[in-house]
Amino acid sequence: MANFKKSDLKLQYSWTASAESDNAKITGFPDNVLLDRHEGYEVLPFLNRYMGEKGWTGQATLHKLEDALRDKLPGTTRSHANIKKWLNDNFNL
């Protein structure tokens, strides 16, 4: 898993989720868990898992993924599994 921190993100996020540790308990990319793309405590662990699975380590890639989630991901694509699939199908370094 990649190990980016809050300070590595380029976009502004809300950091009001109940607790960062709750999101750390999520493993893989479950279909029954929705991602709030504006909540940092949700986006950061998701991107760390995704980049780790891909073997990507660059901060520039992290920033491109942030842009893709915020600006290009359809609003109806919300589950971790569907977002992962969308990224696999549509994200190019």
C-alpha atoms as a PDB file:
ATOM      1  CA  MET A   1       0.000   0.000   0.000  1.00  0.00           C
ATOM      2  CA  ALA A   2       1.220   3.490  -0.784  1.00  0.00           C
ATOM      3  CA  ASN A   3       1.780   5.678   2.264  1.00  0.00           C
ATOM      4  CA  PHE A   4       0.743   9.192   1.303  1.00  0.00           C
ATOM      5  CA  LYS A   5      -0.335  11.611   4.010  1.00  0.00           C
ATOM      6  CA  LYS A   6      -2.842  14.448   4.214  1.00  0.00           C
ATOM      7  CA  SER A   7      -0.107  16.952   3.378  1.00  0.00           C
ATOM      8  CA  ASP A   8       0.645  15.135   0.097  1.00  0.00           C
ATOM      9  CA  LEU A   9      -2.806  15.827  -1.354  1.00  0.00           C
ATOM     10  CA  LYS A  10      -3.176  18.802  -3.658  1.00  0.00           C
ATOM     11  CA  LEU A  11      -6.949  19.341  -3.507  1.00  0.00           C
ATOM     12  CA  GLN A  12      -8.949  20.668  -0.575  1.00  0.00           C
ATOM     13  CA  TYR A  13     -11.051  18.147   1.320  1.00  0.00           C
ATOM     14  CA  SER A  14     -13.402  18.107   4.246  1.00  0.00           C
ATOM     15  CA  TRP A  15     -11.867  16.221   7.179  1.00  0.00           C
ATOM     16  CA  THR A  16     -15.040  15.640   9.154  1.00  0.00           C
ATOM     17  CA  ALA A  17     -15.568  11.879   8.848  1.00  0.00           C
ATOM     18  CA  SER A  18     -16.285  10.189  12.165  1.00  0.00           C
ATOM     19  CA  ALA A  19     -12.712   8.963  12.522  1.00  0.00           C
ATOM     20  CA  GLU A  20      -9.764   8.333  10.283  1.00  0.00           C
ATOM     21  CA  SER A  21      -9.303   4.900  11.873  1.00  0.00           C
ATOM     22  CA  ASP A  22     -12.738   3.788  10.631  1.00  0.00           C
ATOM     23  CA  ASN A  23     -11.589   4.150   7.033  1.00  0.00           C
ATOM     24  CA  ALA A  24      -8.347   2.303   7.734  1.00  0.00           C
ATOM     25  CA  LYS A  25     -10.437  -0.803   8.490  1.00  0.00           C
ATOM     26  CA  ILE A  26     -11.636  -0.990   4.884  1.00  0.00           C
ATOM     27  CA  THR A  27      -9.675  -3.527   2.908  1.00  0.00           C
ATOM     28  CA  GLY A  28      -9.755  -4.053  -0.816  1.00  0.00           C
ATOM     29  CA  PHE A  29     -12.413  -2.327  -2.863  1.00  0.00           C
ATOM     30  CA  PRO A  30     -15.817  -3.407  -1.531  1.00  0.00           C
ATOM     31  CA  ASP A  31     -18.930  -2.921  -3.600  1.00  0.00           C
ATOM     32  CA  ASN A  32     -21.023  -2.114  -0.544  1.00  0.00           C
ATOM     33  CA  VAL A  33     -18.944   0.871   0.670  1.00  0.00           C
ATOM     34  CA  LEU A  34     -19.521   4.287  -0.907  1.00  0.00           C
ATOM     35  CA  LEU A  35     -16.737   6.841  -1.312  1.00  0.00           C
ATOM     36  CA  ASP A  36     -17.334  10.520  -0.601  1.00  0.00           C
ATOM     37  CA  ARG A  37     -14.864  12.098  -3.012  1.00  0.00           C
ATOM     38  CA  HIS A  38     -14.859  15.323  -1.000  1.00  0.00           C
ATOM     39  CA  GLU A  39     -13.953  13.682   2.324  1.00  0.00           C
ATOM     40  CA  GLY A  40     -10.216  13.421   2.872  1.00  0.00           C
ATOM     41  CA  TYR A  41     -10.473  10.637   5.453  1.00  0.00           C
ATOM     42  CA  GLU A  42     -12.126   8.516   2.755  1.00  0.00           C
ATOM     43  CA  VAL A  43     -10.185   9.595  -0.344  1.00  0.00           C
ATOM     44  CA  LEU A  44      -6.687   9.266   1.107  1.00  0.00           C
ATOM     45  CA  PRO A  45      -6.916   5.603   2.211  1.00  0.00           C
ATOM     46  CA  PHE A  46      -8.696   4.706  -1.044  1.00  0.00           C
ATOM     47  CA  LEU A  47      -5.949   6.277  -3.151  1.00  0.00           C
ATOM     48  CA  ASN A  48      -3.225   4.689  -1.021  1.00  0.00           C
ATOM     49  CA  ARG A  49      -4.798   1.237  -1.545  1.00  0.00           C
ATOM     50  CA  TYR A  50      -5.352   1.806  -5.263  1.00  0.00           C
ATOM     51  CA  MET A  51      -1.842   3.108  -5.930  1.00  0.00           C
ATOM     52  CA  GLY A  52      -0.336   0.334  -3.824  1.00  0.00           C
ATOM     53  CA  GLU A  53      -2.173  -2.294  -5.831  1.00  0.00           C
ATOM     54  CA  LYS A  54      -0.890  -0.731  -9.055  1.00  0.00           C
ATOM     55  CA  GLY A  55       2.649  -0.330  -7.720  1.00  0.00           C
ATOM     56  CA  TRP A  56       2.529   3.420  -8.280  1.00  0.00           C
ATOM     57  CA  THR A  57       4.499   5.613  -5.891  1.00  0.00           C
ATOM     58  CA  GLY A  58       4.742   9.073  -7.447  1.00  0.00           C
ATOM     59  CA  GLN A  59       3.100  12.128  -5.958  1.00  0.00           C
ATOM     60  CA  ALA A  60       2.341  13.407  -9.472  1.00  0.00           C
ATOM     61  CA  THR A  61       0.278  10.250 -10.034  1.00  0.00           C
ATOM     62  CA  LEU A  62      -1.542  10.840  -6.741  1.00  0.00           C
ATOM     63  CA  HIS A  63      -2.455  14.334  -7.930  1.00  0.00           C
ATOM     64  CA  LYS A  64      -3.676  13.041 -11.313  1.00  0.00           C
ATOM     65  CA  LEU A  65      -5.855  10.497  -9.539  1.00  0.00           C
ATOM     66  CA  GLU A  66      -7.266  13.234  -7.303  1.00  0.00           C
ATOM     67  CA  ASP A  67      -8.171  15.259 -10.388  1.00  0.00           C
ATOM     68  CA  ALA A  68      -9.777  12.220 -12.024  1.00  0.00           C
ATOM     69  CA  LEU A  69     -11.911  11.503  -8.945  1.00  0.00           C
ATOM     70  CA  ARG A  70     -12.983  15.114  -8.514  1.00  0.00           C
ATOM     71  CA  ASP A  71     -13.448  16.224 -12.134  1.00  0.00           C
ATOM     72  CA  LYS A  72     -14.023  13.193 -14.360  1.00  0.00           C
ATOM     73  CA  LEU A  73     -15.582  10.391 -12.324  1.00  0.00           C
ATOM     74  CA  PRO A  74     -19.339  10.273 -13.007  1.00  0.00           C
ATOM     75  CA  GLY A  75     -21.376  11.280  -9.971  1.00  0.00           C
ATOM     76  CA  THR A  76     -23.324   8.027 -10.131  1.00  0.00           C
ATOM     77  CA  THR A  77     -20.139   5.966  -9.676  1.00  0.00           C
ATOM     78  CA  ARG A  78     -19.836   5.764  -5.896  1.00  0.00           C
ATOM     79  CA  SER A  79     -18.847   2.337  -4.562  1.00  0.00           C
ATOM     80  CA  HIS A  80     -15.195   1.491  -4.028  1.00  0.00           C
ATOM     81  CA  ALA A  81     -15.476  -1.426  -6.477  1.00  0.00           C
ATOM     82  CA  ASN A  82     -17.096   0.681  -9.205  1.00  0.00           C
ATOM     83  CA  ILE A  83     -14.630   3.544  -8.745  1.00  0.00           C
ATOM     84  CA  LYS A  84     -11.720   1.113  -9.012  1.00  0.00           C
ATOM     85  CA  LYS A  85     -13.234  -0.338 -12.197  1.00  0.00           C
ATOM     86  CA  TRP A  86     -13.790   3.146 -13.623  1.00  0.00           C
ATOM     87  CA  LEU A  87     -10.190   4.133 -12.853  1.00  0.00           C
ATOM     88  CA  ASN A  88      -8.884   0.924 -14.429  1.00  0.00           C
ATOM     89  CA  ASP A  89     -10.932   1.611 -17.573  1.00  0.00           C
ATOM     90  CA  ASN A  90     -10.412   5.369 -17.854  1.00  0.00           C
ATOM     91  CA  PHE A  91      -7.270   6.493 -16.049  1.00  0.00           C
ATOM     92  CA  ASN A  92      -4.048   6.777 -17.984  1.00  0.00           C
ATOM     93  CA  LEU A  93      -0.777   7.995 -16.568  1.00  0.00           C
END
